[in-house]
Amino acid sequence: MPEGVERPQTLQQFGLDIVLTDRNAVLGYTAFARLADAEPAEDFIDWSLMQERYWNDTPEYPDRKERRMAECLVHQTVPWRAFNEVVLKNEATAAHVRAFIARGGHAQEVSVRPDWYF
């Protein structure tokens, strides 16, 4: 897993049941890995593809889009304290979110990153 990427195992510290997928979960041939059962192989998720800025399908790799949609799924809910940061596309929305978080007495970092995929 690349440096700077939060590990799904961090969510397990909150007693959550974590399931990873190797691609978009809705597809009939998606592989699922439940962390409580065993740690998936390091190449279960294509981390090099996750780092790419453009991830369109190619003739050589016609499944890049669906693999880029790999998911970290949690049953029911994730507690607010499990979130380290909230990332938004623009400052206007970030201002609203900062105010909302402050009213709730939380201290999560709010960042604006318009170049991220949303």
PDB file of N, CA and C in Angstrom:
ATOM      1  N   MET A   1       0.846  -1.167   0.000  1.00  0.00           N
ATOM      2  CA  MET A   1       0.000   0.000   0.000  1.00  0.00           C
ATOM      3  C   MET A   1       0.897   1.238   0.000  1.00  0.00           C
ATOM      4  N   PRO A   2       0.588   2.236  -0.820  1.00  0.00           N
ATOM      5  CA  PRO A   2       1.436   3.414  -0.925  1.00  0.00           C
ATOM      6  C   PRO A   2       1.508   4.211   0.381  1.00  0.00           C
ATOM      7  N   GLU A   3       2.594   4.939   0.536  1.00  0.00           N
ATOM      8  CA  GLU A   3       2.777   5.835   1.674  1.00  0.00           C
ATOM      9  C   GLU A   3       1.676   6.890   1.673  1.00  0.00           C
ATOM     10  N   GLY A   4       1.158   7.213   2.834  1.00  0.00           N
ATOM     11  CA  GLY A   4       0.144   8.258   2.941  1.00  0.00           C
ATOM     12  C   GLY A   4      -1.287   7.753   2.784  1.00  0.00           C
ATOM     13  N   VAL A   5      -1.465   6.474   2.481  1.00  0.00           N
ATOM     14  CA  VAL A   5      -2.804   5.911   2.341  1.00  0.00           C
ATOM     15  C   VAL A   5      -3.176   5.259   3.668  1.00  0.00           C
ATOM     16  N   GLU A   6      -4.295   5.671   4.214  1.00  0.00           N
ATOM     17  CA  GLU A   6      -4.754   5.061   5.463  1.00  0.00           C
ATOM     18  C   GLU A   6      -5.063   3.594   5.215  1.00  0.00           C
ATOM     19  N   ARG A   7      -4.664   2.778   6.110  1.00  0.00           N
ATOM     20  CA  ARG A   7      -4.902   1.342   5.975  1.00  0.00           C
ATOM     21  C   ARG A   7      -6.310   1.015   6.460  1.00  0.00           C
ATOM     22  N   PRO A   8      -7.009   0.160   5.732  1.00  0.00           N
ATOM     23  CA  PRO A   8      -8.344  -0.249   6.194  1.00  0.00           C
ATOM     24  C   PRO A   8      -8.314  -0.887   7.579  1.00  0.00           C
ATOM     25  N   GLN A   9      -7.179  -1.451   7.965  1.00  0.00           N
ATOM     26  CA  GLN A   9      -7.067  -2.072   9.272  1.00  0.00           C
ATOM     27  C   GLN A   9      -7.265  -1.041  10.390  1.00  0.00           C
ATOM     28  N   THR A  10      -7.010   0.227  10.089  1.00  0.00           N
ATOM     29  CA  THR A  10      -7.242   1.281  11.069  1.00  0.00           C
ATOM     30  C   THR A  10      -8.708   1.286  11.503  1.00  0.00           C
ATOM     31  N   LEU A  11      -9.611   1.020  10.571  1.00  0.00           N
ATOM     32  CA  LEU A  11     -11.037   0.979  10.897  1.00  0.00           C
ATOM     33  C   LEU A  11     -11.374  -0.175  11.837  1.00  0.00           C
ATOM     34  N   GLN A  12     -10.586  -1.227  11.782  1.00  0.00           N
ATOM     35  CA  GLN A  12     -10.833  -2.365  12.671  1.00  0.00           C
ATOM     36  C   GLN A  12     -10.629  -1.983  14.135  1.00  0.00           C
ATOM     37  N   GLN A  13      -9.809  -0.971  14.392  1.00  0.00           N
ATOM     38  CA  GLN A  13      -9.591  -0.514  15.758  1.00  0.00           C
ATOM     39  C   GLN A  13     -10.888   0.004  16.380  1.00  0.00           C
ATOM     40  N   PHE A  14     -11.854   0.333  15.552  1.00  0.00           N
ATOM     41  CA  PHE A  14     -13.145   0.815  16.022  1.00  0.00           C
ATOM     42  C   PHE A  14     -14.169  -0.318  16.091  1.00  0.00           C
ATOM     43  N   GLY A  15     -13.706  -1.554  15.900  1.00  0.00           N
ATOM     44  CA  GLY A  15     -14.590  -2.709  15.974  1.00  0.00           C
ATOM     45  C   GLY A  15     -15.482  -2.878  14.758  1.00  0.00           C
ATOM     46  N   LEU A  16     -15.075  -2.312  13.632  1.00  0.00           N
ATOM     47  CA  LEU A  16     -15.889  -2.368  12.417  1.00  0.00           C
ATOM     48  C   LEU A  16     -15.559  -3.599  11.586  1.00  0.00           C
ATOM     49  N   ASP A  17     -16.553  -4.118  10.893  1.00  0.00           N
ATOM     50  CA  ASP A  17     -16.383  -5.254   9.990  1.00  0.00           C
ATOM     51  C   ASP A  17     -16.092  -4.692   8.599  1.00  0.00           C
ATOM     52  N   ILE A  18     -14.881  -4.912   8.102  1.00  0.00           N
ATOM     53  CA  ILE A  18     -14.396  -4.315   6.864  1.00  0.00           C
ATOM     54  C   ILE A  18     -14.354  -5.353   5.756  1.00  0.00           C
ATOM     55  N   VAL A  19     -14.881  -4.967   4.590  1.00  0.00           N
ATOM     56  CA  VAL A  19     -14.798  -5.801   3.396  1.00  0.00           C
ATOM     57  C   VAL A  19     -14.187  -4.957   2.289  1.00  0.00           C
ATOM     58  N   LEU A  20     -13.166  -5.492   1.638  1.00  0.00           N
ATOM     59  CA  LEU A  20     -12.536  -4.827   0.499  1.00  0.00           C
ATOM     60  C   LEU A  20     -12.986  -5.501  -0.785  1.00  0.00           C
ATOM     61  N   THR A  21     -13.019  -4.730  -1.862  1.00  0.00           N
ATOM     62  CA  THR A  21     -13.294  -5.311  -3.175  1.00  0.00           C
ATOM     63  C   THR A  21     -12.118  -5.003  -4.088  1.00  0.00           C
ATOM     64  N   ASP A  22     -11.936  -5.832  -5.095  1.00  0.00           N
ATOM     65  CA  ASP A  22     -10.828  -5.606  -6.035  1.00  0.00           C
ATOM     66  C   ASP A  22     -11.241  -4.704  -7.202  1.00  0.00           C
ATOM     67  N   ARG A  23     -12.540  -4.346  -7.253  1.00  0.00           N
ATOM     68  CA  ARG A  23     -13.094  -3.503  -8.320  1.00  0.00           C
ATOM     69  C   ARG A  23     -14.472  -3.047  -7.881  1.00  0.00           C
ATOM     70  N   ASN A  24     -15.229  -2.420  -8.734  1.00  0.00           N
ATOM     71  CA  ASN A  24     -16.577  -1.981  -8.425  1.00  0.00           C
ATOM     72  C   ASN A  24     -17.386  -3.140  -7.849  1.00  0.00           C
ATOM     73  N   ALA A  25     -17.964  -2.940  -6.680  1.00  0.00           N
ATOM     74  CA  ALA A  25     -18.630  -4.028  -5.950  1.00  0.00           C
ATOM     75  C   ALA A  25     -19.879  -4.552  -6.630  1.00  0.00           C
ATOM     76  N   VAL A  26     -20.489  -3.786  -7.521  1.00  0.00           N
ATOM     77  CA  VAL A  26     -21.749  -4.200  -8.137  1.00  0.00           C
ATOM     78  C   VAL A  26     -21.557  -5.273  -9.213  1.00  0.00           C
ATOM     79  N   LEU A  27     -20.355  -5.437  -9.700  1.00  0.00           N
ATOM     80  CA  LEU A  27     -20.102  -6.386 -10.786  1.00  0.00           C
ATOM     81  C   LEU A  27     -20.180  -7.828 -10.281  1.00  0.00           C
ATOM     82  N   GLY A  28     -20.711  -8.708 -11.081  1.00  0.00           N
ATOM     83  CA  GLY A  28     -20.915 -10.098 -10.693  1.00  0.00           C
ATOM     84  C   GLY A  28     -19.640 -10.883 -10.478  1.00  0.00           C
ATOM     85  N   TYR A  29     -18.516 -10.410 -10.955  1.00  0.00           N
ATOM     86  CA  TYR A  29     -17.255 -11.142 -10.843  1.00  0.00           C
ATOM     87  C   TYR A  29     -16.262 -10.447  -9.905  1.00  0.00           C
ATOM     88  N   THR A  30     -16.751  -9.514  -9.118  1.00  0.00           N
ATOM     89  CA  THR A  30     -15.908  -8.815  -8.149  1.00  0.00           C
ATOM     90  C   THR A  30     -15.451  -9.786  -7.064  1.00  0.00           C
ATOM     91  N   ALA A  31     -14.192  -9.674  -6.672  1.00  0.00           N
ATOM     92  CA  ALA A  31     -13.669 -10.455  -5.555  1.00  0.00           C
ATOM     93  C   ALA A  31     -13.808  -9.635  -4.272  1.00  0.00           C
ATOM     94  N   PHE A  32     -14.233 -10.279  -3.198  1.00  0.00           N
ATOM     95  CA  PHE A  32     -14.401  -9.645  -1.900  1.00  0.00           C
ATOM     96  C   PHE A  32     -13.430 -10.260  -0.909  1.00  0.00           C
ATOM     97  N   ALA A  33     -12.891  -9.444  -0.013  1.00  0.00           N
ATOM     98  CA  ALA A  33     -11.995  -9.940   1.035  1.00  0.00           C
ATOM     99  C   ALA A  33     -12.419  -9.309   2.354  1.00  0.00           C
ATOM    100  N   ARG A  34     -12.871 -10.146   3.275  1.00  0.00           N
ATOM    101  CA  ARG A  34     -13.277  -9.662   4.597  1.00  0.00           C
ATOM    102  C   ARG A  34     -12.037  -9.664   5.492  1.00  0.00           C
ATOM    103  N   LEU A  35     -11.682  -8.506   6.038  1.00  0.00           N
ATOM    104  CA  LEU A  35     -10.454  -8.405   6.822  1.00  0.00           C
ATOM    105  C   LEU A  35     -10.489  -9.279   8.071  1.00  0.00           C
ATOM    106  N   ALA A  36     -11.658  -9.523   8.635  1.00  0.00           N
ATOM    107  CA  ALA A  36     -11.743 -10.377   9.826  1.00  0.00           C
ATOM    108  C   ALA A  36     -11.348 -11.816   9.503  1.00  0.00           C
ATOM    109  N   ASP A  37     -11.478 -12.210   8.236  1.00  0.00           N
ATOM    110  CA  ASP A  37     -11.139 -13.577   7.834  1.00  0.00           C
ATOM    111  C   ASP A  37      -9.649 -13.746   7.568  1.00  0.00           C
ATOM    112  N   ALA A  38      -9.053 -12.783   6.884  1.00  0.00           N
ATOM    113  CA  ALA A  38      -7.622 -12.841   6.570  1.00  0.00           C
ATOM    114  C   ALA A  38      -7.229 -11.586   5.810  1.00  0.00           C
ATOM    115  N   GLU A  39      -5.988 -11.249   5.884  1.00  0.00           N
ATOM    116  CA  GLU A  39      -5.441 -10.122   5.143  1.00  0.00           C
ATOM    117  C   GLU A  39      -5.369 -10.506   3.661  1.00  0.00           C
ATOM    118  N   PRO A  40      -5.917  -9.676   2.754  1.00  0.00           N
ATOM    119  CA  PRO A  40      -5.821 -10.024   1.331  1.00  0.00           C
ATOM    120  C   PRO A  40      -4.380  -9.866   0.833  1.00  0.00           C
ATOM    121  N   ALA A  41      -4.083 -10.515  -0.266  1.00  0.00           N
ATOM    122  CA  ALA A  41      -2.752 -10.395  -0.877  1.00  0.00           C
ATOM    123  C   ALA A  41      -2.459  -8.925  -1.188  1.00  0.00           C
ATOM    124  N   GLU A  42      -1.199  -8.557  -1.150  1.00  0.00           N
ATOM    125  CA  GLU A  42      -0.800  -7.158  -1.384  1.00  0.00           C
ATOM    126  C   GLU A  42      -1.291  -6.646  -2.731  1.00  0.00           C
ATOM    127  N   ASP A  43      -1.408  -7.522  -3.717  1.00  0.00           N
ATOM    128  CA  ASP A  43      -1.840  -7.094  -5.054  1.00  0.00           C
ATOM    129  C   ASP A  43      -3.355  -7.229  -5.263  1.00  0.00           C
ATOM    130  N   PHE A  44      -4.117  -7.485  -4.185  1.00  0.00           N
ATOM    131  CA  PHE A  44      -5.575  -7.601  -4.299  1.00  0.00           C
ATOM    132  C   PHE A  44      -6.161  -6.321  -4.890  1.00  0.00           C
ATOM    133  N   ILE A  45      -5.674  -5.180  -4.424  1.00  0.00           N
ATOM    134  CA  ILE A  45      -6.045  -3.878  -4.994  1.00  0.00           C
ATOM    135  C   ILE A  45      -4.855  -3.395  -5.802  1.00  0.00           C
ATOM    136  N   ASP A  46      -5.117  -2.871  -6.985  1.00  0.00           N
ATOM    137  CA  ASP A  46      -4.060  -2.387  -7.876  1.00  0.00           C
ATOM    138  C   ASP A  46      -3.634  -0.989  -7.418  1.00  0.00           C
ATOM    139  N   TRP A  47      -2.695  -0.948  -6.451  1.00  0.00           N
ATOM    140  CA  TRP A  47      -2.299   0.329  -5.860  1.00  0.00           C
ATOM    141  C   TRP A  47      -1.609   1.241  -6.851  1.00  0.00           C
ATOM    142  N   SER A  48      -0.883   0.697  -7.812  1.00  0.00           N
ATOM    143  CA  SER A  48      -0.251   1.568  -8.812  1.00  0.00           C
ATOM    144  C   SER A  48      -1.319   2.277  -9.644  1.00  0.00           C
ATOM    145  N   LEU A  49      -2.396   1.593  -9.959  1.00  0.00           N
ATOM    146  CA  LEU A  49      -3.499   2.210 -10.689  1.00  0.00           C
ATOM    147  C   LEU A  49      -4.164   3.297  -9.837  1.00  0.00           C
ATOM    148  N   MET A  50      -4.262   3.088  -8.542  1.00  0.00           N
ATOM    149  CA  MET A  50      -4.868   4.088  -7.656  1.00  0.00           C
ATOM    150  C   MET A  50      -4.080   5.391  -7.660  1.00  0.00           C
ATOM    151  N   GLN A  51      -2.798   5.310  -7.951  1.00  0.00           N
ATOM    152  CA  GLN A  51      -1.953   6.502  -7.960  1.00  0.00           C
ATOM    153  C   GLN A  51      -1.975   7.253  -9.298  1.00  0.00           C
ATOM    154  N   GLU A  52      -2.536   6.635 -10.313  1.00  0.00           N
ATOM    155  CA  GLU A  52      -2.582   7.243 -11.643  1.00  0.00           C
ATOM    156  C   GLU A  52      -3.553   8.414 -11.691  1.00  0.00           C
ATOM    157  N   ARG A  53      -3.201   9.435 -12.441  1.00  0.00           N
ATOM    158  CA  ARG A  53      -4.104  10.575 -12.623  1.00  0.00           C
ATOM    159  C   ARG A  53      -5.209  10.223 -13.620  1.00  0.00           C
ATOM    160  N   TYR A  54      -4.851   9.502 -14.674  1.00  0.00           N
ATOM    161  CA  TYR A  54      -5.824   9.065 -15.674  1.00  0.00           C
ATOM    162  C   TYR A  54      -5.886   7.550 -15.643  1.00  0.00           C
ATOM    163  N   TRP A  55      -7.092   7.015 -15.627  1.00  0.00           N
ATOM    164  CA  TRP A  55      -7.238   5.575 -15.474  1.00  0.00           C
ATOM    165  C   TRP A  55      -8.309   5.016 -16.399  1.00  0.00           C
ATOM    166  N   ASN A  56      -8.331   5.544 -17.606  1.00  0.00           N
ATOM    167  CA  ASN A  56      -9.261   5.031 -18.604  1.00  0.00           C
ATOM    168  C   ASN A  56      -8.861   3.619 -19.046  1.00  0.00           C
ATOM    169  N   ASP A  57      -9.839   2.874 -19.555  1.00  0.00           N
ATOM    170  CA  ASP A  57      -9.559   1.555 -20.106  1.00  0.00           C
ATOM    171  C   ASP A  57      -8.657   1.697 -21.322  1.00  0.00           C
ATOM    172  N   THR A  58      -7.843   0.683 -21.557  1.00  0.00           N
ATOM    173  CA  THR A  58      -6.981   0.648 -22.735  1.00  0.00           C
ATOM    174  C   THR A  58      -7.184  -0.706 -23.408  1.00  0.00           C
ATOM    175  N   PRO A  59      -6.778  -0.852 -24.672  1.00  0.00           N
ATOM    176  CA  PRO A  59      -6.889  -2.163 -25.316  1.00  0.00           C
ATOM    177  C   PRO A  59      -6.133  -3.249 -24.543  1.00  0.00           C
ATOM    178  N   GLU A  60      -4.998  -2.868 -23.958  1.00  0.00           N
ATOM    179  CA  GLU A  60      -4.203  -3.829 -23.193  1.00  0.00           C
ATOM    180  C   GLU A  60      -4.851  -4.168 -21.843  1.00  0.00           C
ATOM    181  N   TYR A  61      -5.499  -3.165 -21.201  1.00  0.00           N
ATOM    182  CA  TYR A  61      -6.148  -3.336 -19.890  1.00  0.00           C
ATOM    183  C   TYR A  61      -7.574  -2.798 -19.963  1.00  0.00           C
ATOM    184  N   PRO A  62      -8.510  -3.584 -20.471  1.00  0.00           N
ATOM    185  CA  PRO A  62      -9.882  -3.107 -20.672  1.00  0.00           C
ATOM    186  C   PRO A  62     -10.709  -2.997 -19.388  1.00  0.00           C
ATOM    187  N   ASP A  63     -10.108  -3.315 -18.234  1.00  0.00           N
ATOM    188  CA  ASP A  63     -10.862  -3.266 -16.971  1.00  0.00           C
ATOM    189  C   ASP A  63     -10.299  -2.239 -15.986  1.00  0.00           C
ATOM    190  N   ARG A  64      -9.538  -1.271 -16.470  1.00  0.00           N
ATOM    191  CA  ARG A  64      -8.917  -0.282 -15.579  1.00  0.00           C
ATOM    192  C   ARG A  64      -9.952   0.527 -14.791  1.00  0.00           C
ATOM    193  N   LYS A  65     -11.014   0.980 -15.439  1.00  0.00           N
ATOM    194  CA  LYS A  65     -12.033   1.796 -14.749  1.00  0.00           C
ATOM    195  C   LYS A  65     -12.646   1.034 -13.581  1.00  0.00           C
ATOM    196  N   GLU A  66     -13.046  -0.199 -13.833  1.00  0.00           N
ATOM    197  CA  GLU A  66     -13.710  -0.951 -12.766  1.00  0.00           C
ATOM    198  C   GLU A  66     -12.742  -1.304 -11.648  1.00  0.00           C
ATOM    199  N   ARG A  67     -11.462  -1.559 -11.964  1.00  0.00           N
ATOM    200  CA  ARG A  67     -10.470  -1.844 -10.924  1.00  0.00           C
ATOM    201  C   ARG A  67     -10.157  -0.591 -10.114  1.00  0.00           C
ATOM    202  N   ARG A  68     -10.227   0.570 -10.760  1.00  0.00           N
ATOM    203  CA  ARG A  68      -9.991   1.843 -10.063  1.00  0.00           C
ATOM    204  C   ARG A  68     -11.111   2.130  -9.064  1.00  0.00           C
ATOM    205  N   MET A  69     -12.257   1.464  -9.220  1.00  0.00           N
ATOM    206  CA  MET A  69     -13.398   1.641  -8.320  1.00  0.00           C
ATOM    207  C   MET A  69     -13.408   0.628  -7.180  1.00  0.00           C
ATOM    208  N   ALA A  70     -12.238   0.065  -6.849  1.00  0.00           N
ATOM    209  CA  ALA A  70     -12.145  -0.839  -5.698  1.00  0.00           C
ATOM    210  C   ALA A  70     -12.684  -0.112  -4.465  1.00  0.00           C
ATOM    211  N   GLU A  71     -13.307  -0.866  -3.569  1.00  0.00           N
ATOM    212  CA  GLU A  71     -14.008  -0.239  -2.454  1.00  0.00           C
ATOM    213  C   GLU A  71     -13.576  -0.793  -1.102  1.00  0.00           C
ATOM    214  N   CYS A  72     -13.733   0.038  -0.089  1.00  0.00           N
ATOM    215  CA  CYS A  72     -13.592  -0.355   1.299  1.00  0.00           C
ATOM    216  C   CYS A  72     -14.982  -0.179   1.906  1.00  0.00           C
ATOM    217  N   LEU A  73     -15.634  -1.288   2.213  1.00  0.00           N
ATOM    218  CA  LEU A  73     -17.022  -1.266   2.673  1.00  0.00           C
ATOM    219  C   LEU A  73     -17.091  -1.567   4.172  1.00  0.00           C
ATOM    220  N   VAL A  74     -18.005  -0.863   4.839  1.00  0.00           N
ATOM    221  CA  VAL A  74     -18.220  -1.055   6.271  1.00  0.00           C
ATOM    222  C   VAL A  74     -19.704  -1.278   6.488  1.00  0.00           C
ATOM    223  N   HIS A  75     -20.037  -2.287   7.272  1.00  0.00           N
ATOM    224  CA  HIS A  75     -21.445  -2.595   7.548  1.00  0.00           C
ATOM    225  C   HIS A  75     -22.037  -1.517   8.453  1.00  0.00           C
ATOM    226  N   GLN A  76     -23.164  -0.986   8.054  1.00  0.00           N
ATOM    227  CA  GLN A  76     -23.978  -0.015   8.772  1.00  0.00           C
ATOM    228  C   GLN A  76     -23.340   1.361   8.887  1.00  0.00           C
ATOM    229  N   THR A  77     -22.479   1.635   9.842  1.00  0.00           N
ATOM    230  CA  THR A  77     -21.999   2.997  10.052  1.00  0.00           C
ATOM    231  C   THR A  77     -20.547   3.047  10.520  1.00  0.00           C
ATOM    232  N   VAL A  78     -19.911   4.157  10.229  1.00  0.00           N
ATOM    233  CA  VAL A  78     -18.550   4.422  10.679  1.00  0.00           C
ATOM    234  C   VAL A  78     -18.632   5.577  11.675  1.00  0.00           C
ATOM    235  N   PRO A  79     -18.066   5.433  12.881  1.00  0.00           N
ATOM    236  CA  PRO A  79     -18.142   6.532  13.847  1.00  0.00           C
ATOM    237  C   PRO A  79     -17.352   7.752  13.363  1.00  0.00           C
ATOM    238  N   TRP A  80     -17.856   8.915  13.670  1.00  0.00           N
ATOM    239  CA  TRP A  80     -17.245  10.165  13.211  1.00  0.00           C
ATOM    240  C   TRP A  80     -15.778  10.248  13.618  1.00  0.00           C
ATOM    241  N   ARG A  81     -15.440   9.752  14.799  1.00  0.00           N
ATOM    242  CA  ARG A  81     -14.060   9.848  15.284  1.00  0.00           C
ATOM    243  C   ARG A  81     -13.075   9.022  14.452  1.00  0.00           C
ATOM    244  N   ALA A  82     -13.576   8.156  13.583  1.00  0.00           N
ATOM    245  CA  ALA A  82     -12.707   7.350  12.725  1.00  0.00           C
ATOM    246  C   ALA A  82     -12.180   8.147  11.531  1.00  0.00           C
ATOM    247  N   PHE A  83     -12.773   9.291  11.256  1.00  0.00           N
ATOM    248  CA  PHE A  83     -12.357  10.108  10.117  1.00  0.00           C
ATOM    249  C   PHE A  83     -11.268  11.079  10.534  1.00  0.00           C
ATOM    250  N   ASN A  84     -10.158  11.070   9.804  1.00  0.00           N
ATOM    251  CA  ASN A  84      -9.043  11.987  10.076  1.00  0.00           C
ATOM    252  C   ASN A  84      -9.214  13.317   9.350  1.00  0.00           C
ATOM    253  N   GLU A  85      -9.867  13.256   8.194  1.00  0.00           N
ATOM    254  CA  GLU A  85      -9.909  14.431   7.328  1.00  0.00           C
ATOM    255  C   GLU A  85     -11.140  14.353   6.434  1.00  0.00           C
ATOM    256  N   VAL A  86     -11.671  15.523   6.095  1.00  0.00           N
ATOM    257  CA  VAL A  86     -12.748  15.634   5.127  1.00  0.00           C
ATOM    258  C   VAL A  86     -12.181  16.434   3.963  1.00  0.00           C
ATOM    259  N   VAL A  87     -12.270  15.877   2.752  1.00  0.00           N
ATOM    260  CA  VAL A  87     -11.702  16.532   1.571  1.00  0.00           C
ATOM    261  C   VAL A  87     -12.833  16.922   0.634  1.00  0.00           C
ATOM    262  N   LEU A  88     -12.791  18.175   0.193  1.00  0.00           N
ATOM    263  CA  LEU A  88     -13.828  18.709  -0.687  1.00  0.00           C
ATOM    264  C   LEU A  88     -13.213  19.318  -1.932  1.00  0.00           C
ATOM    265  N   LYS A  89     -14.067  19.542  -2.902  1.00  0.00           N
ATOM    266  CA  LYS A  89     -13.597  20.030  -4.197  1.00  0.00           C
ATOM    267  C   LYS A  89     -13.385  21.546  -4.231  1.00  0.00           C
ATOM    268  N   ASN A  90     -14.155  22.303  -3.426  1.00  0.00           N
ATOM    269  CA  ASN A  90     -14.017  23.767  -3.498  1.00  0.00           C
ATOM    270  C   ASN A  90     -14.145  24.402  -2.115  1.00  0.00           C
ATOM    271  N   GLU A  91     -13.667  25.616  -2.012  1.00  0.00           N
ATOM    272  CA  GLU A  91     -13.621  26.331  -0.738  1.00  0.00           C
ATOM    273  C   GLU A  91     -15.003  26.692  -0.227  1.00  0.00           C
ATOM    274  N   ALA A  92     -15.951  26.996  -1.117  1.00  0.00           N
ATOM    275  CA  ALA A  92     -17.301  27.349  -0.677  1.00  0.00           C
ATOM    276  C   ALA A  92     -17.936  26.200   0.105  1.00  0.00           C
ATOM    277  N   THR A  93     -17.836  24.994  -0.422  1.00  0.00           N
ATOM    278  CA  THR A  93     -18.386  23.832   0.271  1.00  0.00           C
ATOM    279  C   THR A  93     -17.593  23.547   1.540  1.00  0.00           C
ATOM    280  N   ALA A  94     -16.285  23.716   1.480  1.00  0.00           N
ATOM    281  CA  ALA A  94     -15.440  23.478   2.656  1.00  0.00           C
ATOM    282  C   ALA A  94     -15.830  24.403   3.803  1.00  0.00           C
ATOM    283  N   ALA A  95     -16.168  25.647   3.511  1.00  0.00           N
ATOM    284  CA  ALA A  95     -16.577  26.590   4.554  1.00  0.00           C
ATOM    285  C   ALA A  95     -17.839  26.098   5.265  1.00  0.00           C
ATOM    286  N   HIS A  96     -18.799  25.602   4.496  1.00  0.00           N
ATOM    287  CA  HIS A  96     -20.025  25.062   5.096  1.00  0.00           C
ATOM    288  C   HIS A  96     -19.718  23.847   5.971  1.00  0.00           C
ATOM    289  N   VAL A  97     -18.850  22.979   5.474  1.00  0.00           N
ATOM    290  CA  VAL A  97     -18.511  21.763   6.218  1.00  0.00           C
ATOM    291  C   VAL A  97     -17.742  22.112   7.487  1.00  0.00           C
ATOM    292  N   ARG A  98     -16.817  23.066   7.416  1.00  0.00           N
ATOM    293  CA  ARG A  98     -16.087  23.480   8.622  1.00  0.00           C
ATOM    294  C   ARG A  98     -17.053  23.983   9.695  1.00  0.00           C
ATOM    295  N   ALA A  99     -18.028  24.790   9.285  1.00  0.00           N
ATOM    296  CA  ALA A  99     -19.014  25.312  10.241  1.00  0.00           C
ATOM    297  C   ALA A  99     -19.836  24.176  10.837  1.00  0.00           C
ATOM    298  N   PHE A 100     -20.247  23.241  10.015  1.00  0.00           N
ATOM    299  CA  PHE A 100     -21.038  22.095  10.475  1.00  0.00           C
ATOM    300  C   PHE A 100     -20.246  21.269  11.481  1.00  0.00           C
ATOM    301  N   ILE A 101     -18.989  20.995  11.163  1.00  0.00           N
ATOM    302  CA  ILE A 101     -18.138  20.193  12.047  1.00  0.00           C
ATOM    303  C   ILE A 101     -17.920  20.926  13.363  1.00  0.00           C
ATOM    304  N   ALA A 102     -17.679  22.222  13.300  1.00  0.00           N
ATOM    305  CA  ALA A 102     -17.459  23.004  14.519  1.00  0.00           C
ATOM    306  C   ALA A 102     -18.690  22.983  15.421  1.00  0.00           C
ATOM    307  N   ARG A 103     -19.877  23.090  14.838  1.00  0.00           N
ATOM    308  CA  ARG A 103     -21.116  23.039  15.639  1.00  0.00           C
ATOM    309  C   ARG A 103     -21.258  21.708  16.361  1.00  0.00           C
ATOM    310  N   GLY A 104     -20.736  20.654  15.768  1.00  0.00           N
ATOM    311  CA  GLY A 104     -20.810  19.334  16.393  1.00  0.00           C
ATOM    312  C   GLY A 104     -19.710  19.088  17.409  1.00  0.00           C
ATOM    313  N   GLY A 105     -18.781  20.045  17.550  1.00  0.00           N
ATOM    314  CA  GLY A 105     -17.698  19.908  18.512  1.00  0.00           C
ATOM    315  C   GLY A 105     -16.587  18.981  18.065  1.00  0.00           C
ATOM    316  N   HIS A 106     -16.487  18.746  16.756  1.00  0.00           N
ATOM    317  CA  HIS A 106     -15.455  17.858  16.230  1.00  0.00           C
ATOM    318  C   HIS A 106     -14.276  18.673  15.717  1.00  0.00           C
ATOM    319  N   ALA A 107     -13.142  18.012  15.533  1.00  0.00           N
ATOM    320  CA  ALA A 107     -11.922  18.715  15.144  1.00  0.00           C
ATOM    321  C   ALA A 107     -11.263  18.130  13.905  1.00  0.00           C
ATOM    322  N   GLN A 108     -12.004  17.463  13.047  1.00  0.00           N
ATOM    323  CA  GLN A 108     -11.397  16.885  11.852  1.00  0.00           C
ATOM    324  C   GLN A 108     -10.900  17.993  10.917  1.00  0.00           C
ATOM    325  N   GLU A 109      -9.792  17.689  10.261  1.00  0.00           N
ATOM    326  CA  GLU A 109      -9.229  18.612   9.282  1.00  0.00           C
ATOM    327  C   GLU A 109     -10.124  18.638   8.047  1.00  0.00           C
ATOM    328  N   VAL A 110     -10.310  19.823   7.483  1.00  0.00           N
ATOM    329  CA  VAL A 110     -11.071  19.986   6.249  1.00  0.00           C
ATOM    330  C   VAL A 110     -10.121  20.563   5.209  1.00  0.00           C
ATOM    331  N   SER A 111      -9.973  19.865   4.081  1.00  0.00           N
ATOM    332  CA  SER A 111      -9.050  20.283   3.032  1.00  0.00           C
ATOM    333  C   SER A 111      -9.791  20.461   1.717  1.00  0.00           C
ATOM    334  N   VAL A 112      -9.254  21.336   0.872  1.00  0.00           N
ATOM    335  CA  VAL A 112      -9.784  21.537  -0.472  1.00  0.00           C
ATOM    336  C   VAL A 112      -8.745  20.991  -1.441  1.00  0.00           C
ATOM    337  N   ARG A 113      -9.175  20.041  -2.266  1.00  0.00           N
ATOM    338  CA  ARG A 113      -8.280  19.434  -3.256  1.00  0.00           C
ATOM    339  C   ARG A 113      -9.063  19.258  -4.563  1.00  0.00           C
ATOM    340  N   PRO A 114      -9.139  20.314  -5.365  1.00  0.00           N
ATOM    341  CA  PRO A 114      -9.944  20.239  -6.589  1.00  0.00           C
ATOM    342  C   PRO A 114      -9.427  19.244  -7.613  1.00  0.00           C
ATOM    343  N   ASP A 115      -8.180  18.815  -7.482  1.00  0.00           N
ATOM    344  CA  ASP A 115      -7.626  17.870  -8.456  1.00  0.00           C
ATOM    345  C   ASP A 115      -7.937  16.415  -8.112  1.00  0.00           C
ATOM    346  N   TRP A 116      -8.518  16.161  -6.951  1.00  0.00           N
ATOM    347  CA  TRP A 116      -8.895  14.798  -6.598  1.00  0.00           C
ATOM    348  C   TRP A 116     -10.105  14.378  -7.403  1.00  0.00           C
ATOM    349  N   TYR A 117     -10.255  13.085  -7.561  1.00  0.00           N
ATOM    350  CA  TYR A 117     -11.443  12.519  -8.218  1.00  0.00           C
ATOM    351  C   TYR A 117     -12.584  12.492  -7.202  1.00  0.00           C
ATOM    352  N   PHE A 118     -13.717  13.085  -7.551  1.00  0.00           N
ATOM    353  CA  PHE A 118     -14.889  13.105  -6.655  1.00  0.00           C
ATOM    354  C   PHE A 118     -16.052  12.446  -7.335  1.00  0.00           C
TER     355      PHE A 118
END
